[in-house]
Protein backbone atom coordinates (compact mmCIF):
# COMPACT_ATOMS: atom_id res chain seq x y z
CA MET A 1 3.70 -21.83 -6.00
CA PRO A 2 2.30 -21.25 -9.46
CA ASN A 3 1.21 -24.39 -11.33
CA THR A 4 4.37 -25.92 -12.82
CA SER A 5 2.46 -28.19 -15.24
CA VAL A 6 1.60 -25.21 -17.47
CA SER A 7 3.90 -24.78 -20.49
CA GLN A 8 6.36 -21.90 -20.67
CA ASN A 9 4.64 -20.70 -23.84
CA VAL A 10 1.39 -20.31 -21.90
CA CYS A 11 3.21 -18.50 -19.09
CA TRP A 12 4.80 -16.03 -21.53
CA TYR A 13 1.39 -15.57 -23.19
CA LEU A 14 -0.19 -14.75 -19.80
CA SER A 15 2.60 -12.33 -18.96
CA GLY A 16 2.05 -10.50 -22.24
CA TYR A 17 -1.68 -10.57 -21.71
CA ALA A 18 -1.29 -9.07 -18.23
CA ASP A 19 1.06 -6.46 -19.67
CA GLY A 20 -1.85 -5.19 -21.75
CA GLU A 21 -4.95 -6.05 -19.72
CA GLY A 22 -3.71 -6.58 -16.17
CA SER A 23 -3.58 -4.28 -13.18
CA PHE A 24 -1.30 -4.21 -10.17
CA CYS A 25 -3.22 -2.00 -7.78
CA VAL A 26 -2.93 -0.81 -4.19
CA SER A 27 -6.07 0.76 -2.79
CA PHE A 28 -6.76 2.34 0.58
CA SER A 29 -9.85 2.41 2.76
CA PRO A 30 -10.34 4.59 5.81
CA ARG A 31 -11.14 2.36 8.81
CA SER A 32 -11.97 3.97 12.12
CA LYS A 33 -11.48 0.69 14.02
CA ILE A 34 -7.81 0.20 13.16
CA ARG A 35 -5.02 2.08 14.91
CA LEU A 36 -3.69 4.09 11.97
CA LYS A 37 -7.18 4.51 10.42
CA LEU A 38 -6.11 3.31 6.96
CA GLU A 39 -6.38 -0.16 5.46
CA VAL A 40 -4.04 -1.10 2.59
CA ARG A 41 -5.37 -3.52 -0.04
CA PRO A 42 -3.08 -4.77 -2.82
CA SER A 43 -4.57 -6.71 -5.73
CA PHE A 44 -3.69 -8.17 -9.08
CA SER A 45 -6.48 -8.41 -11.64
CA VAL A 46 -7.13 -9.04 -15.32
CA SER A 47 -10.39 -8.26 -17.12
CA GLN A 48 -11.92 -9.77 -20.24
CA ASN A 49 -15.23 -9.93 -22.07
CA GLY A 50 -17.37 -12.90 -21.09
CA ASP A 51 -17.06 -14.60 -24.47
CA ARG A 52 -13.27 -14.77 -23.99
CA SER A 53 -13.15 -15.49 -20.27
CA GLU A 54 -11.27 -18.77 -20.76
CA VAL A 55 -8.04 -16.76 -20.46
CA LEU A 56 -9.14 -15.78 -16.94
CA ARG A 57 -9.52 -19.45 -16.03
CA LEU A 58 -6.04 -19.98 -17.44
CA PHE A 59 -4.68 -17.28 -15.09
CA GLN A 60 -6.47 -18.94 -12.17
CA LYS A 61 -5.11 -22.39 -13.08
CA THR A 62 -1.58 -21.14 -13.75
CA LEU A 63 -1.24 -18.95 -10.66
CA ASN A 64 -3.17 -21.45 -8.53
CA CYS A 65 -5.09 -18.69 -6.74
CA GLY A 66 -7.68 -15.97 -7.14
CA SER A 67 -11.29 -15.86 -8.19
CA ILE A 68 -13.29 -14.88 -11.26
CA ARG A 69 -16.30 -12.62 -10.97
CA PRO A 70 -18.48 -10.41 -13.13
CA ASP A 71 -17.49 -6.74 -13.15
CA ARG A 72 -20.77 -4.88 -13.46
CA SER A 73 -19.06 -1.54 -14.11
CA ASP A 74 -18.17 -2.53 -17.67
CA LYS A 75 -19.91 -5.90 -18.20
CA THR A 76 -16.66 -7.85 -18.27
CA TYR A 77 -15.31 -10.64 -16.09
CA LYS A 78 -12.37 -10.20 -13.80
CA PHE A 79 -9.77 -12.58 -12.44
CA GLU A 80 -8.50 -11.14 -9.17
CA THR A 81 -6.41 -12.06 -6.20
CA ARG A 82 -6.07 -9.91 -3.09
CA ASN A 83 -4.60 -12.47 -0.73
CA LEU A 84 -1.21 -11.16 0.39
CA ASN A 85 0.33 -14.63 0.68
CA ASP A 86 -0.80 -15.48 -2.86
CA LEU A 87 0.52 -12.17 -4.16
CA VAL A 88 3.92 -12.67 -2.50
CA ASN A 89 4.29 -16.42 -3.12
CA LYS A 90 2.57 -16.90 -6.49
CA VAL A 91 1.87 -13.71 -8.45
CA ILE A 92 5.12 -11.84 -7.81
CA PRO A 93 7.38 -14.86 -8.48
CA PHE A 94 5.45 -15.56 -11.71
CA PHE A 95 6.03 -12.03 -13.04
CA ARG A 96 9.65 -12.05 -11.87
CA LYS A 97 10.20 -15.16 -14.01
CA TYR A 98 7.97 -14.11 -16.94
CA THR A 99 8.80 -10.42 -17.00
CA LEU A 100 6.54 -7.67 -18.26
CA MET A 101 7.87 -5.84 -21.31
CA SER A 102 6.10 -2.48 -21.05
CA SER A 103 6.39 0.36 -18.58
CA LYS A 104 3.85 -1.59 -16.48
CA SER A 105 6.95 -3.33 -15.13
CA ILE A 106 7.71 -0.14 -13.15
CA ASP A 107 4.32 -0.33 -11.42
CA PHE A 108 4.88 -4.05 -10.85
CA GLU A 109 8.15 -3.32 -9.03
CA LYS A 110 6.43 -0.73 -6.84
CA PHE A 111 3.56 -3.14 -6.21
CA SER A 112 6.06 -5.86 -5.23
CA LYS A 113 7.81 -3.51 -2.80
CA ILE A 114 4.50 -2.64 -1.16
CA CYS A 115 3.50 -6.30 -0.84
CA PHE A 116 6.80 -7.12 0.87
CA LEU A 117 6.44 -4.08 3.17
CA LEU A 118 2.98 -5.39 4.12
CA LYS A 119 4.38 -8.90 4.64
CA GLU A 120 6.92 -7.34 7.05
CA SER A 121 4.04 -5.52 8.85
CA LYS A 122 5.50 -2.10 7.99
CA HIS A 123 1.95 -0.78 7.49
CA LYS A 124 1.46 -1.05 11.25
CA SER A 125 3.76 1.93 11.89
CA LYS A 126 3.00 5.47 10.80
CA SER A 127 6.33 5.84 8.99
CA GLY A 128 5.85 2.53 7.17
CA LEU A 129 2.33 3.44 6.14
CA ILE A 130 3.51 6.83 4.88
CA GLU A 131 6.16 5.06 2.77
CA ILE A 132 3.49 2.71 1.35
CA VAL A 133 1.17 5.64 0.52
CA LYS A 134 4.02 7.47 -1.26
CA ILE A 135 4.88 4.43 -3.37
CA ALA A 136 1.26 3.54 -4.13
CA THR A 137 0.26 7.04 -5.19
CA SER A 138 3.16 7.08 -7.67
CA MET A 139 1.69 4.00 -9.41
CA ASN A 140 -0.88 3.90 -12.22
CA THR A 141 -0.72 7.65 -12.66
CA SER A 142 -3.06 7.62 -15.65
CA GLY A 143 -5.85 6.06 -13.57
CA LYS A 144 -8.33 7.54 -11.13
CA ARG A 145 -7.90 7.25 -7.37
CA LYS A 146 -10.67 7.54 -4.85
CA TYR A 147 -8.21 9.08 -2.38
CA ASP A 148 -5.23 11.15 -3.51
CA ALA A 149 -2.00 11.36 -1.52
CA GLN A 150 -3.03 14.52 0.35
CA LYS A 151 -6.31 12.96 1.50
CA LEU A 152 -4.50 9.80 2.63
CA PHE A 153 -1.88 11.80 4.53
CA SER A 154 -4.64 13.84 6.22
CA ILE A 155 -6.24 10.59 7.43
CA LEU A 156 -2.89 9.57 8.91
CA ARG A 157 -2.51 12.83 10.89
């Protein structure tokens, strides 16, 4: 569970902060050693310049999970959690209670659906993995993907 000793004002602040600076992401990695050849990796992250990284520690304290690391790509710091149990039991309930106000809420709903499909082991069947790929590739459409839907589907063939 998220940390209940944090004030509601702080929780709403973090929700708004994540609405602007956060990312609900589902990435894929080809893996020859797994049956369907595709690993699914959901993550929630927030980035910030080093001189303002206290907000990242506040995310970590409030959500009671994740880690903070330097992001060398843009010289910022990043709070991130990839642990499925933490995503399902801490991150998703937090953002269900302290809802996002922008269109990022649409990606959050898709992200949540994927996390629950993973929790139900749907990624272990071809049809379930295809469903996850379809949902994930409809998220964050303004961003860059290493593998587009066609490439992911070709790996699954």
